[in-house]
């Protein structure tokens, strides 16, 4: 029985990319402002008011715009980067995991977990 479970685990590991299997393709990002209550727009779509958090796909970069009545707006770019550790693990596991993680974008993580702006006084 233990052998079957081990073989099944190895098969799943081989057929999945390391990052896809262990990390996933999205990441929770928090958004805040001072003062609170600013509208959060992600790539031109209103997502809510600060403080708020939600998951975004890590293979994309985003333009985040904070809008507050009487205070104007501020724009922040949310960039991603490739995690070298995931690439090394995929290469060690074989060609299939490399292809899967590259296609799904699971190699990527955002440069920041929280995006905050200060509208001042």
PDB file of N, CA and C in Angstrom:
ATOM      1  N   UNK A   1       0.826  -1.202   0.000  1.00  0.00           N
ATOM      2  CA  UNK A   1       0.000   0.000   0.000  1.00  0.00           C
ATOM      3  C   UNK A   1       0.868   1.263   0.000  1.00  0.00           C
ATOM      4  N   UNK A   2       1.930   1.273   0.835  1.00  0.00           N
ATOM      5  CA  UNK A   2       2.814   2.433   0.900  1.00  0.00           C
ATOM      6  C   UNK A   2       3.515   2.647  -0.436  1.00  0.00           C
ATOM      7  N   UNK A   3       3.847   1.569  -1.110  1.00  0.00           N
ATOM      8  CA  UNK A   3       4.522   1.664  -2.398  1.00  0.00           C
ATOM      9  C   UNK A   3       3.617   2.330  -3.427  1.00  0.00           C
ATOM     10  N   UNK A   4       2.337   1.951  -3.427  1.00  0.00           N
ATOM     11  CA  UNK A   4       1.390   2.538  -4.372  1.00  0.00           C
ATOM     12  C   UNK A   4       1.229   4.039  -4.129  1.00  0.00           C
ATOM     13  N   UNK A   5       1.159   4.427  -2.864  1.00  0.00           N
ATOM     14  CA  UNK A   5       1.022   5.846  -2.523  1.00  0.00           C
ATOM     15  C   UNK A   5       2.271   6.605  -2.968  1.00  0.00           C
ATOM     16  N   UNK A   6       3.441   6.022  -2.736  1.00  0.00           N
ATOM     17  CA  UNK A   6       4.687   6.661  -3.140  1.00  0.00           C
ATOM     18  C   UNK A   6       4.767   6.814  -4.651  1.00  0.00           C
ATOM     19  N   UNK A   7       4.409   5.774  -5.374  1.00  0.00           N
ATOM     20  CA  UNK A   7       4.428   5.820  -6.836  1.00  0.00           C
ATOM     21  C   UNK A   7       3.439   6.861  -7.338  1.00  0.00           C
ATOM     22  N   UNK A   8       2.256   6.920  -6.751  1.00  0.00           N
ATOM     23  CA  UNK A   8       1.247   7.908  -7.131  1.00  0.00           C
ATOM     24  C   UNK A   8       1.755   9.327  -6.878  1.00  0.00           C
ATOM     25  N   UNK A   9       2.381   9.540  -5.722  1.00  0.00           N
ATOM     26  CA  UNK A   9       2.947  10.854  -5.410  1.00  0.00           C
ATOM     27  C   UNK A   9       4.019  11.233  -6.423  1.00  0.00           C
ATOM     28  N   UNK A  10       4.901  10.305  -6.739  1.00  0.00           N
ATOM     29  CA  UNK A  10       5.974  10.581  -7.720  1.00  0.00           C
ATOM     30  C   UNK A  10       5.392  10.910  -9.091  1.00  0.00           C
ATOM     31  N   UNK A  11       4.342  10.211  -9.483  1.00  0.00           N
ATOM     32  CA  UNK A  11       3.696  10.459 -10.771  1.00  0.00           C
ATOM     33  C   UNK A  11       3.069  11.853 -10.804  1.00  0.00           C
ATOM     34  N   UNK A  12       2.371  12.207  -9.749  1.00  0.00           N
ATOM     35  CA  UNK A  12       1.753  13.539  -9.670  1.00  0.00           C
ATOM     36  C   UNK A  12       2.834  14.613  -9.684  1.00  0.00           C
ATOM     37  N   UNK A  13       3.904  14.389  -8.932  1.00  0.00           N
ATOM     38  CA  UNK A  13       5.004  15.353  -8.883  1.00  0.00           C
ATOM     39  C   UNK A  13       5.637  15.523 -10.260  1.00  0.00           C
ATOM     40  N   UNK A  14       5.816  14.431 -10.968  1.00  0.00           N
ATOM     41  CA  UNK A  14       6.435  14.498 -12.286  1.00  0.00           C
ATOM     42  C   UNK A  14       5.526  15.172 -13.306  1.00  0.00           C
ATOM     43  N   UNK A  15       4.223  14.924 -13.213  1.00  0.00           N
ATOM     44  CA  UNK A  15       3.292  15.475 -14.187  1.00  0.00           C
ATOM     45  C   UNK A  15       2.873  16.906 -13.868  1.00  0.00           C
ATOM     46  N   UNK A  16       3.243  17.396 -12.715  1.00  0.00           N
ATOM     47  CA  UNK A  16       2.926  18.774 -12.340  1.00  0.00           C
ATOM     48  C   UNK A  16       4.212  19.544 -12.145  1.00  0.00           C
ATOM     49  N   UNK A  17       4.141  20.835 -12.409  1.00  0.00           N
ATOM     50  CA  UNK A  17       5.292  21.671 -12.121  1.00  0.00           C
ATOM     51  C   UNK A  17       5.387  21.885 -10.628  1.00  0.00           C
ATOM     52  N   UNK A  18       6.580  22.048 -10.141  1.00  0.00           N
ATOM     53  CA  UNK A  18       6.778  22.244  -8.704  1.00  0.00           C
ATOM     54  C   UNK A  18       6.011  23.458  -8.186  1.00  0.00           C
ATOM     55  N   UNK A  19       6.160  24.587  -8.854  1.00  0.00           N
ATOM     56  CA  UNK A  19       5.485  25.803  -8.408  1.00  0.00           C
ATOM     57  C   UNK A  19       3.969  25.693  -8.552  1.00  0.00           C
ATOM     58  N   UNK A  20       3.501  25.065  -9.621  1.00  0.00           N
ATOM     59  CA  UNK A  20       2.059  24.880  -9.814  1.00  0.00           C
ATOM     60  C   UNK A  20       1.492  24.022  -8.695  1.00  0.00           C
ATOM     61  N   UNK A  21       2.205  22.986  -8.336  1.00  0.00           N
ATOM     62  CA  UNK A  21       1.745  22.043  -7.316  1.00  0.00           C
ATOM     63  C   UNK A  21       1.783  22.645  -5.920  1.00  0.00           C
ATOM     64  N   UNK A  22       2.863  23.347  -5.576  1.00  0.00           N
ATOM     65  CA  UNK A  22       3.055  23.807  -4.201  1.00  0.00           C
ATOM     66  C   UNK A  22       2.661  25.257  -3.952  1.00  0.00           C
ATOM     67  N   UNK A  23       2.748  26.122  -4.942  1.00  0.00           N
ATOM     68  CA  UNK A  23       2.480  27.548  -4.748  1.00  0.00           C
ATOM     69  C   UNK A  23       1.187  28.012  -5.397  1.00  0.00           C
ATOM     70  N   UNK A  24       0.906  27.529  -6.579  1.00  0.00           N
ATOM     71  CA  UNK A  24      -0.278  27.971  -7.305  1.00  0.00           C
ATOM     72  C   UNK A  24       0.032  29.125  -8.238  1.00  0.00           C
ATOM     73  N   UNK A  25      -0.992  29.605  -8.913  1.00  0.00           N
ATOM     74  CA  UNK A  25      -0.799  30.637  -9.932  1.00  0.00           C
ATOM     75  C   UNK A  25      -1.367  31.995  -9.529  1.00  0.00           C
ATOM     76  N   UNK A  26      -1.805  32.133  -8.286  1.00  0.00           N
ATOM     77  CA  UNK A  26      -2.310  33.421  -7.824  1.00  0.00           C
ATOM     78  C   UNK A  26      -1.742  33.728  -6.448  1.00  0.00           C
ATOM     79  N   UNK A  27      -1.814  34.996  -6.071  1.00  0.00           N
ATOM     80  CA  UNK A  27      -1.267  35.443  -4.795  1.00  0.00           C
ATOM     81  C   UNK A  27      -2.189  36.498  -4.195  1.00  0.00           C
ATOM     82  N   UNK A  28      -2.390  36.412  -2.898  1.00  0.00           N
ATOM     83  CA  UNK A  28      -3.195  37.390  -2.162  1.00  0.00           C
ATOM     84  C   UNK A  28      -2.378  38.671  -1.993  1.00  0.00           C
ATOM     85  N   UNK A  29      -2.987  39.809  -2.352  1.00  0.00           N
ATOM     86  CA  UNK A  29      -2.329  41.110  -2.228  1.00  0.00           C
ATOM     87  C   UNK A  29      -3.260  42.029  -1.449  1.00  0.00           C
ATOM     88  N   UNK A  30      -2.693  42.737  -0.481  1.00  0.00           N
ATOM     89  CA  UNK A  30      -3.460  43.687   0.315  1.00  0.00           C
ATOM     90  C   UNK A  30      -3.287  45.101  -0.209  1.00  0.00           C
ATOM     91  N   UNK A  31      -4.348  45.898  -0.128  1.00  0.00           N
ATOM     92  CA  UNK A  31      -4.325  47.276  -0.614  1.00  0.00           C
ATOM     93  C   UNK A  31      -4.806  48.191   0.499  1.00  0.00           C
ATOM     94  N   UNK A  32      -4.047  49.257   0.749  1.00  0.00           N
ATOM     95  CA  UNK A  32      -4.407  50.185   1.806  1.00  0.00           C
ATOM     96  C   UNK A  32      -4.114  51.615   1.406  1.00  0.00           C
ATOM     97  N   UNK A  33      -4.700  52.542   2.141  1.00  0.00           N
ATOM     98  CA  UNK A  33      -4.458  53.960   1.878  1.00  0.00           C
ATOM     99  C   UNK A  33      -4.573  54.734   3.176  1.00  0.00           C
ATOM    100  N   UNK A  34      -3.944  55.903   3.162  1.00  0.00           N
ATOM    101  CA  UNK A  34      -4.067  56.838   4.269  1.00  0.00           C
ATOM    102  C   UNK A  34      -4.551  58.160   3.696  1.00  0.00           C
ATOM    103  N   UNK A  35      -5.755  58.603   4.009  1.00  0.00           N
ATOM    104  CA  UNK A  35      -6.752  57.956   4.849  1.00  0.00           C
ATOM    105  C   UNK A  35      -7.419  56.765   4.139  1.00  0.00           C
ATOM    106  N   UNK A  36      -8.074  55.917   4.938  1.00  0.00           N
ATOM    107  CA  UNK A  36      -8.742  54.741   4.377  1.00  0.00           C
ATOM    108  C   UNK A  36      -9.952  55.159   3.558  1.00  0.00           C
ATOM    109  N   UNK A  37     -10.427  54.250   2.724  1.00  0.00           N
ATOM    110  CA  UNK A  37     -11.631  54.497   1.933  1.00  0.00           C
ATOM    111  C   UNK A  37     -11.384  54.863   0.486  1.00  0.00           C
ATOM    112  N   UNK A  38     -10.133  54.777   0.035  1.00  0.00           N
ATOM    113  CA  UNK A  38      -9.843  55.086  -1.363  1.00  0.00           C
ATOM    114  C   UNK A  38     -10.346  53.959  -2.256  1.00  0.00           C
ATOM    115  N   UNK A  39     -10.830  54.306  -3.431  1.00  0.00           N
ATOM    116  CA  UNK A  39     -11.225  53.299  -4.411  1.00  0.00           C
ATOM    117  C   UNK A  39      -9.971  52.644  -4.974  1.00  0.00           C
ATOM    118  N   UNK A  40     -10.041  51.317  -5.166  1.00  0.00           N
ATOM    119  CA  UNK A  40      -8.922  50.574  -5.746  1.00  0.00           C
ATOM    120  C   UNK A  40      -9.349  50.098  -7.126  1.00  0.00           C
ATOM    121  N   UNK A  41      -8.625  50.547  -8.146  1.00  0.00           N
ATOM    122  CA  UNK A  41      -8.888  50.169  -9.534  1.00  0.00           C
ATOM    123  C   UNK A  41      -7.718  49.325 -10.021  1.00  0.00           C
ATOM    124  N   UNK A  42      -8.006  48.149 -10.519  1.00  0.00           N
ATOM    125  CA  UNK A  42      -6.977  47.250 -11.040  1.00  0.00           C
ATOM    126  C   UNK A  42      -7.189  47.113 -12.541  1.00  0.00           C
ATOM    127  N   UNK A  43      -6.219  47.586 -13.306  1.00  0.00           N
ATOM    128  CA  UNK A  43      -6.299  47.564 -14.769  1.00  0.00           C
ATOM    129  C   UNK A  43      -7.624  48.126 -15.279  1.00  0.00           C
ATOM    130  N   UNK A  44      -8.050  49.245 -14.672  1.00  0.00           N
ATOM    131  CA  UNK A  44      -9.253  49.935 -15.118  1.00  0.00           C
ATOM    132  C   UNK A  44     -10.562  49.404 -14.571  1.00  0.00           C
ATOM    133  N   UNK A  45     -10.511  48.420 -13.679  1.00  0.00           N
ATOM    134  CA  UNK A  45     -11.727  47.844 -13.100  1.00  0.00           C
ATOM    135  C   UNK A  45     -11.768  48.130 -11.602  1.00  0.00           C
ATOM    136  N   UNK A  46     -12.876  48.724 -11.145  1.00  0.00           N
ATOM    137  CA  UNK A  46     -13.041  49.049  -9.729  1.00  0.00           C
ATOM    138  C   UNK A  46     -13.205  47.759  -8.935  1.00  0.00           C
ATOM    139  N   UNK A  47     -12.327  47.561  -7.913  1.00  0.00           N
ATOM    140  CA  UNK A  47     -12.324  46.322  -7.141  1.00  0.00           C
ATOM    141  C   UNK A  47     -12.846  46.498  -5.721  1.00  0.00           C
ATOM    142  N   UNK A  48     -12.962  47.730  -5.250  1.00  0.00           N
ATOM    143  CA  UNK A  48     -13.439  47.967  -3.889  1.00  0.00           C
ATOM    144  C   UNK A  48     -12.745  49.167  -3.284  1.00  0.00           C
ATOM    145  N   UNK A  49     -12.885  49.290  -1.962  1.00  0.00           N
ATOM    146  CA  UNK A  49     -12.283  50.413  -1.230  1.00  0.00           C
ATOM    147  C   UNK A  49     -11.312  49.885  -0.179  1.00  0.00           C
ATOM    148  N   UNK A  50     -10.286  50.686   0.089  1.00  0.00           N
ATOM    149  CA  UNK A  50      -9.288  50.296   1.084  1.00  0.00           C
ATOM    150  C   UNK A  50      -9.865  50.354   2.489  1.00  0.00           C
ATOM    151  N   UNK A  51      -9.417  49.484   3.373  1.00  0.00           N
ATOM    152  CA  UNK A  51      -8.490  48.381   3.160  1.00  0.00           C
ATOM    153  C   UNK A  51      -9.204  47.176   2.531  1.00  0.00           C
ATOM    154  N   UNK A  52      -8.528  46.519   1.619  1.00  0.00           N
ATOM    155  CA  UNK A  52      -9.100  45.374   0.922  1.00  0.00           C
ATOM    156  C   UNK A  52      -7.955  44.461   0.474  1.00  0.00           C
ATOM    157  N   UNK A  53      -8.238  43.197   0.320  1.00  0.00           N
ATOM    158  CA  UNK A  53      -7.254  42.277  -0.251  1.00  0.00           C
ATOM    159  C   UNK A  53      -7.979  41.275  -1.129  1.00  0.00           C
ATOM    160  N   UNK A  54      -7.296  40.832  -2.177  1.00  0.00           N
ATOM    161  CA  UNK A  54      -7.849  39.821  -3.075  1.00  0.00           C
ATOM    162  C   UNK A  54      -6.720  39.169  -3.849  1.00  0.00           C
ATOM    163  N   UNK A  55      -7.030  38.054  -4.488  1.00  0.00           N
ATOM    164  CA  UNK A  55      -6.029  37.298  -5.233  1.00  0.00           C
ATOM    165  C   UNK A  55      -5.908  37.819  -6.663  1.00  0.00           C
ATOM    166  N   UNK A  56      -4.662  37.874  -7.122  1.00  0.00           N
ATOM    167  CA  UNK A  56      -4.365  38.263  -8.495  1.00  0.00           C
ATOM    168  C   UNK A  56      -3.472  37.192  -9.124  1.00  0.00           C
ATOM    169  N   UNK A  57      -3.593  37.024 -10.423  1.00  0.00           N
ATOM    170  CA  UNK A  57      -2.774  36.068 -11.155  1.00  0.00           C
ATOM    171  C   UNK A  57      -1.329  36.560 -11.197  1.00  0.00           C
ATOM    172  N   UNK A  58      -0.395  35.719 -10.773  1.00  0.00           N
ATOM    173  CA  UNK A  58       1.003  36.139 -10.656  1.00  0.00           C
ATOM    174  C   UNK A  58       1.732  36.267 -11.981  1.00  0.00           C
ATOM    175  N   UNK A  59       1.198  35.690 -13.056  1.00  0.00           N
ATOM    176  CA  UNK A  59       1.922  35.781 -14.326  1.00  0.00           C
ATOM    177  C   UNK A  59       1.728  37.129 -15.013  1.00  0.00           C
ATOM    178  N   UNK A  60       0.857  37.972 -14.474  1.00  0.00           N
ATOM    179  CA  UNK A  60       0.609  39.283 -15.051  1.00  0.00           C
ATOM    180  C   UNK A  60       1.198  40.377 -14.170  1.00  0.00           C
ATOM    181  N   UNK A  61       1.429  41.537 -14.771  1.00  0.00           N
ATOM    182  CA  UNK A  61       1.715  42.738 -13.999  1.00  0.00           C
ATOM    183  C   UNK A  61       0.454  43.598 -14.047  1.00  0.00           C
ATOM    184  N   UNK A  62       0.276  44.436 -13.057  1.00  0.00           N
ATOM    185  CA  UNK A  62      -0.957  45.204 -12.942  1.00  0.00           C
ATOM    186  C   UNK A  62      -0.670  46.682 -12.722  1.00  0.00           C
ATOM    187  N   UNK A  63      -1.590  47.509 -13.196  1.00  0.00           N
ATOM    188  CA  UNK A  63      -1.578  48.937 -12.902  1.00  0.00           C
ATOM    189  C   UNK A  63      -2.685  49.160 -11.878  1.00  0.00           C
ATOM    190  N   UNK A  64      -2.282  49.598 -10.689  1.00  0.00           N
ATOM    191  CA  UNK A  64      -3.219  49.823  -9.590  1.00  0.00           C
ATOM    192  C   UNK A  64      -3.403  51.335  -9.446  1.00  0.00           C
ATOM    193  N   UNK A  65      -4.655  51.757  -9.476  1.00  0.00           N
ATOM    194  CA  UNK A  65      -4.940  53.178  -9.291  1.00  0.00           C
ATOM    195  C   UNK A  65      -5.820  53.348  -8.058  1.00  0.00           C
ATOM    196  N   UNK A  66      -5.390  54.232  -7.187  1.00  0.00           N
ATOM    197  CA  UNK A  66      -6.148  54.583  -5.989  1.00  0.00           C
ATOM    198  C   UNK A  66      -6.784  55.937  -6.243  1.00  0.00           C
ATOM    199  N   UNK A  67      -8.099  56.032  -6.032  1.00  0.00           N
ATOM    200  CA  UNK A  67      -8.809  57.290  -6.241  1.00  0.00           C
ATOM    201  C   UNK A  67      -9.535  57.672  -4.957  1.00  0.00           C
ATOM    202  N   UNK A  68      -9.419  58.958  -4.609  1.00  0.00           N
ATOM    203  CA  UNK A  68     -10.125  59.457  -3.432  1.00  0.00           C
ATOM    204  C   UNK A  68     -10.671  60.835  -3.749  1.00  0.00           C
ATOM    205  N   UNK A  69     -11.954  60.978  -3.501  1.00  0.00           N
ATOM    206  CA  UNK A  69     -12.613  62.247  -3.790  1.00  0.00           C
ATOM    207  C   UNK A  69     -11.959  63.378  -3.010  1.00  0.00           C
ATOM    208  N   UNK A  70     -11.642  64.435  -3.719  1.00  0.00           N
ATOM    209  CA  UNK A  70     -11.001  65.592  -3.108  1.00  0.00           C
ATOM    210  C   UNK A  70      -9.498  65.450  -2.944  1.00  0.00           C
ATOM    211  N   UNK A  71      -8.955  64.259  -3.174  1.00  0.00           N
ATOM    212  CA  UNK A  71      -7.522  64.019  -3.013  1.00  0.00           C
ATOM    213  C   UNK A  71      -6.844  63.646  -4.331  1.00  0.00           C
ATOM    214  N   UNK A  72      -7.642  63.342  -5.350  1.00  0.00           N
ATOM    215  CA  UNK A  72      -7.078  62.958  -6.639  1.00  0.00           C
ATOM    216  C   UNK A  72      -6.859  61.454  -6.754  1.00  0.00           C
ATOM    217  N   UNK A  73      -5.857  61.091  -7.535  1.00  0.00           N
ATOM    218  CA  UNK A  73      -5.569  59.671  -7.717  1.00  0.00           C
ATOM    219  C   UNK A  73      -4.066  59.441  -7.710  1.00  0.00           C
ATOM    220  N   UNK A  74      -3.689  58.233  -7.370  1.00  0.00           N
ATOM    221  CA  UNK A  74      -2.288  57.817  -7.390  1.00  0.00           C
ATOM    222  C   UNK A  74      -2.220  56.458  -8.063  1.00  0.00           C
ATOM    223  N   UNK A  75      -1.177  56.274  -8.880  1.00  0.00           N
ATOM    224  CA  UNK A  75      -1.013  55.036  -9.633  1.00  0.00           C
ATOM    225  C   UNK A  75       0.244  54.304  -9.174  1.00  0.00           C
ATOM    226  N   UNK A  76       0.109  52.983  -9.018  1.00  0.00           N
ATOM    227  CA  UNK A  76       1.220  52.129  -8.616  1.00  0.00           C
ATOM    228  C   UNK A  76       1.255  50.930  -9.560  1.00  0.00           C
ATOM    229  N   UNK A  77       2.456  50.562  -9.999  1.00  0.00           N
ATOM    230  CA  UNK A  77       2.608  49.347 -10.807  1.00  0.00           C
ATOM    231  C   UNK A  77       2.929  48.178  -9.881  1.00  0.00           C
ATOM    232  N   UNK A  78       2.185  47.088 -10.028  1.00  0.00           N
ATOM    233  CA  UNK A  78       2.437  45.862  -9.275  1.00  0.00           C
ATOM    234  C   UNK A  78       3.147  44.900 -10.223  1.00  0.00           C
ATOM    235  N   UNK A  79       4.454  44.737 -10.005  1.00  0.00           N
ATOM    236  CA  UNK A  79       5.280  43.917 -10.891  1.00  0.00           C
ATOM    237  C   UNK A  79       5.494  42.531 -10.310  1.00  0.00           C
ATOM    238  N   UNK A  80       5.884  41.602 -11.187  1.00  0.00           N
ATOM    239  CA  UNK A  80       6.183  40.248 -10.751  1.00  0.00           C
ATOM    240  C   UNK A  80       7.627  39.908 -11.097  1.00  0.00           C
ATOM    241  N   UNK A  81       8.106  38.817 -10.530  1.00  0.00           N
ATOM    242  CA  UNK A  81       9.443  38.333 -10.823  1.00  0.00           C
ATOM    243  C   UNK A  81       9.428  36.804 -10.802  1.00  0.00           C
ATOM    244  N   UNK A  82      10.397  36.229 -11.473  1.00  0.00           N
ATOM    245  CA  UNK A  82      10.515  34.773 -11.531  1.00  0.00           C
ATOM    246  C   UNK A  82      11.322  34.302 -10.334  1.00  0.00           C
ATOM    247  N   UNK A  83      10.803  33.284  -9.646  1.00  0.00           N
ATOM    248  CA  UNK A  83      11.529  32.684  -8.538  1.00  0.00           C
ATOM    249  C   UNK A  83      12.528  31.654  -9.052  1.00  0.00           C
ATOM    250  N   UNK A  84      13.806  31.939  -8.887  1.00  0.00           N
ATOM    251  CA  UNK A  84      14.853  31.053  -9.403  1.00  0.00           C
ATOM    252  C   UNK A  84      14.778  29.663  -8.779  1.00  0.00           C
ATOM    253  N   UNK A  85      14.373  29.583  -7.532  1.00  0.00           N
ATOM    254  CA  UNK A  85      14.264  28.289  -6.857  1.00  0.00           C
ATOM    255  C   UNK A  85      13.290  27.351  -7.547  1.00  0.00           C
ATOM    256  N   UNK A  86      12.166  27.895  -8.021  1.00  0.00           N
ATOM    257  CA  UNK A  86      11.186  27.060  -8.723  1.00  0.00           C
ATOM    258  C   UNK A  86      11.760  26.530 -10.027  1.00  0.00           C
ATOM    259  N   UNK A  87      12.503  27.359 -10.723  1.00  0.00           N
ATOM    260  CA  UNK A  87      13.099  26.922 -11.993  1.00  0.00           C
ATOM    261  C   UNK A  87      14.097  25.789 -11.741  1.00  0.00           C
ATOM    262  N   UNK A  88      14.926  25.935 -10.714  1.00  0.00           N
ATOM    263  CA  UNK A  88      15.907  24.894 -10.399  1.00  0.00           C
ATOM    264  C   UNK A  88      15.209  23.583 -10.058  1.00  0.00           C
ATOM    265  N   UNK A  89      14.175  23.637  -9.223  1.00  0.00           N
ATOM    266  CA  UNK A  89      13.433  22.412  -8.867  1.00  0.00           C
ATOM    267  C   UNK A  89      12.798  21.780 -10.096  1.00  0.00           C
ATOM    268  N   UNK A  90      12.238  22.597 -10.973  1.00  0.00           N
ATOM    269  CA  UNK A  90      11.615  22.058 -12.188  1.00  0.00           C
ATOM    270  C   UNK A  90      12.636  21.385 -13.095  1.00  0.00           C
ATOM    271  N   UNK A  91      13.788  22.018 -13.261  1.00  0.00           N
ATOM    272  CA  UNK A  91      14.829  21.444 -14.117  1.00  0.00           C
ATOM    273  C   UNK A  91      15.297  20.109 -13.550  1.00  0.00           C
ATOM    274  N   UNK A  92      15.439  20.032 -12.240  1.00  0.00           N
ATOM    275  CA  UNK A  92      15.848  18.778 -11.610  1.00  0.00           C
ATOM    276  C   UNK A  92      14.788  17.692 -11.764  1.00  0.00           C
ATOM    277  N   UNK A  93      13.515  18.082 -11.822  1.00  0.00           N
ATOM    278  CA  UNK A  93      12.418  17.114 -11.939  1.00  0.00           C
ATOM    279  C   UNK A  93      12.193  16.669 -13.386  1.00  0.00           C
ATOM    280  N   UNK A  94      12.696  17.410 -14.357  1.00  0.00           N
ATOM    281  CA  UNK A  94      12.546  17.001 -15.754  1.00  0.00           C
ATOM    282  C   UNK A  94      11.891  18.067 -16.613  1.00  0.00           C
ATOM    283  N   UNK A  95      11.699  17.751 -17.883  1.00  0.00           N
ATOM    284  CA  UNK A  95      11.188  18.698 -18.866  1.00  0.00           C
ATOM    285  C   UNK A  95       9.710  19.037 -18.654  1.00  0.00           C
ATOM    286  N   UNK A  96       8.909  18.064 -18.269  1.00  0.00           N
ATOM    287  CA  UNK A  96       7.459  18.291 -18.133  1.00  0.00           C
ATOM    288  C   UNK A  96       7.150  19.365 -17.092  1.00  0.00           C
ATOM    289  N   UNK A  97       7.721  19.312 -15.887  1.00  0.00           N
ATOM    290  CA  UNK A  97       7.444  20.385 -14.918  1.00  0.00           C
ATOM    291  C   UNK A  97       7.867  21.767 -15.409  1.00  0.00           C
ATOM    292  N   UNK A  98       8.964  21.848 -16.154  1.00  0.00           N
ATOM    293  CA  UNK A  98       9.409  23.129 -16.706  1.00  0.00           C
ATOM    294  C   UNK A  98       8.339  23.692 -17.626  1.00  0.00           C
ATOM    295  N   UNK A  99       7.820  22.851 -18.502  1.00  0.00           N
ATOM    296  CA  UNK A  99       6.790  23.280 -19.459  1.00  0.00           C
ATOM    297  C   UNK A  99       5.526  23.722 -18.728  1.00  0.00           C
ATOM    298  N   UNK A 100       5.101  22.952 -17.728  1.00  0.00           N
ATOM    299  CA  UNK A 100       3.861  23.271 -17.002  1.00  0.00           C
ATOM    300  C   UNK A 100       3.988  24.592 -16.249  1.00  0.00           C
ATOM    301  N   UNK A 101       5.055  24.761 -15.493  1.00  0.00           N
ATOM    302  CA  UNK A 101       5.206  26.007 -14.727  1.00  0.00           C
ATOM    303  C   UNK A 101       5.402  27.219 -15.629  1.00  0.00           C
ATOM    304  N   UNK A 102       6.093  27.038 -16.742  1.00  0.00           N
ATOM    305  CA  UNK A 102       6.267  28.147 -17.680  1.00  0.00           C
ATOM    306  C   UNK A 102       4.927  28.536 -18.305  1.00  0.00           C
ATOM    307  N   UNK A 103       4.117  27.553 -18.656  1.00  0.00           N
ATOM    308  CA  UNK A 103       2.821  27.822 -19.304  1.00  0.00           C
ATOM    309  C   UNK A 103       1.821  28.443 -18.337  1.00  0.00           C
ATOM    310  N   UNK A 104       1.803  27.990 -17.076  1.00  0.00           N
ATOM    311  CA  UNK A 104       0.824  28.498 -16.116  1.00  0.00           C
ATOM    312  C   UNK A 104       1.266  29.799 -15.460  1.00  0.00           C
ATOM    313  N   UNK A 105       2.552  30.095 -15.516  1.00  0.00           N
ATOM    314  CA  UNK A 105       3.058  31.296 -14.859  1.00  0.00           C
ATOM    315  C   UNK A 105       3.259  31.122 -13.374  1.00  0.00           C
ATOM    316  N   UNK A 106       3.256  29.881 -12.899  1.00  0.00           N
ATOM    317  CA  UNK A 106       3.404  29.624 -11.464  1.00  0.00           C
ATOM    318  C   UNK A 106       4.788  29.994 -10.941  1.00  0.00           C
ATOM    319  N   UNK A 107       5.761  30.172 -11.818  1.00  0.00           N
ATOM    320  CA  UNK A 107       7.101  30.586 -11.414  1.00  0.00           C
ATOM    321  C   UNK A 107       7.107  31.982 -10.809  1.00  0.00           C
ATOM    322  N   UNK A 108       6.115  32.792 -11.137  1.00  0.00           N
ATOM    323  CA  UNK A 108       6.124  34.203 -10.774  1.00  0.00           C
ATOM    324  C   UNK A 108       5.554  34.459  -9.382  1.00  0.00           C
ATOM    325  N   UNK A 109       6.058  35.506  -8.758  1.00  0.00           N
ATOM    326  CA  UNK A 109       5.519  36.057  -7.514  1.00  0.00           C
ATOM    327  C   UNK A 109       5.541  37.569  -7.658  1.00  0.00           C
ATOM    328  N   UNK A 110       4.704  38.252  -6.885  1.00  0.00           N
ATOM    329  CA  UNK A 110       4.698  39.708  -6.934  1.00  0.00           C
ATOM    330  C   UNK A 110       5.846  40.277  -6.104  1.00  0.00           C
ATOM    331  N   UNK A 111       6.314  41.451  -6.497  1.00  0.00           N
ATOM    332  CA  UNK A 111       7.390  42.124  -5.783  1.00  0.00           C
ATOM    333  C   UNK A 111       6.957  42.583  -4.395  1.00  0.00           C
ATOM    334  N   UNK A 112       5.667  42.768  -4.192  1.00  0.00           N
ATOM    335  CA  UNK A 112       5.164  43.199  -2.887  1.00  0.00           C
ATOM    336  C   UNK A 112       3.835  42.520  -2.578  1.00  0.00           C
ATOM    337  N   UNK A 113       3.612  42.244  -1.284  1.00  0.00           N
ATOM    338  CA  UNK A 113       2.363  41.617  -0.853  1.00  0.00           C
ATOM    339  C   UNK A 113       1.319  42.648  -0.457  1.00  0.00           C
ATOM    340  N   UNK A 114       1.748  43.852  -0.174  1.00  0.00           N
ATOM    341  CA  UNK A 114       0.847  44.926   0.210  1.00  0.00           C
ATOM    342  C   UNK A 114       1.183  46.173  -0.597  1.00  0.00           C
ATOM    343  N   UNK A 115       0.147  46.836  -1.085  1.00  0.00           N
ATOM    344  CA  UNK A 115       0.307  48.069  -1.841  1.00  0.00           C
ATOM    345  C   UNK A 115      -0.424  49.158  -1.065  1.00  0.00           C
ATOM    346  N   UNK A 116       0.316  50.182  -0.654  1.00  0.00           N
ATOM    347  CA  UNK A 116      -0.259  51.265   0.145  1.00  0.00           C
ATOM    348  C   UNK A 116       0.101  52.611  -0.466  1.00  0.00           C
ATOM    349  N   UNK A 117      -0.820  53.559  -0.353  1.00  0.00           N
ATOM    350  CA  UNK A 117      -0.552  54.924  -0.792  1.00  0.00           C
ATOM    351  C   UNK A 117      -0.947  55.889   0.319  1.00  0.00           C
ATOM    352  N   UNK A 118      -0.303  57.050   0.305  1.00  0.00           N
ATOM    353  CA  UNK A 118      -0.592  58.084   1.290  1.00  0.00           C
ATOM    354  C   UNK A 118      -1.050  59.330   0.538  1.00  0.00           C
ATOM    355  N   UNK A 119      -2.284  59.727   0.785  1.00  0.00           N
ATOM    356  CA  UNK A 119      -2.826  60.925   0.143  1.00  0.00           C
ATOM    357  C   UNK A 119      -2.475  62.193   0.932  1.00  0.00           C
ATOM    358  N   UNK A 120      -1.811  62.041   2.054  1.00  0.00           N
ATOM    359  CA  UNK A 120      -1.412  63.203   2.851  1.00  0.00           C
ATOM    360  C   UNK A 120      -2.605  63.841   3.534  1.00  0.00           C
ATOM    361  N   UNK A 121      -2.401  65.070   3.989  1.00  0.00           N
ATOM    362  CA  UNK A 121      -3.459  65.775   4.729  1.00  0.00           C
ATOM    363  C   UNK A 121      -4.334  66.575   3.818  1.00  0.00           C
TER     364      UNK A 121
END
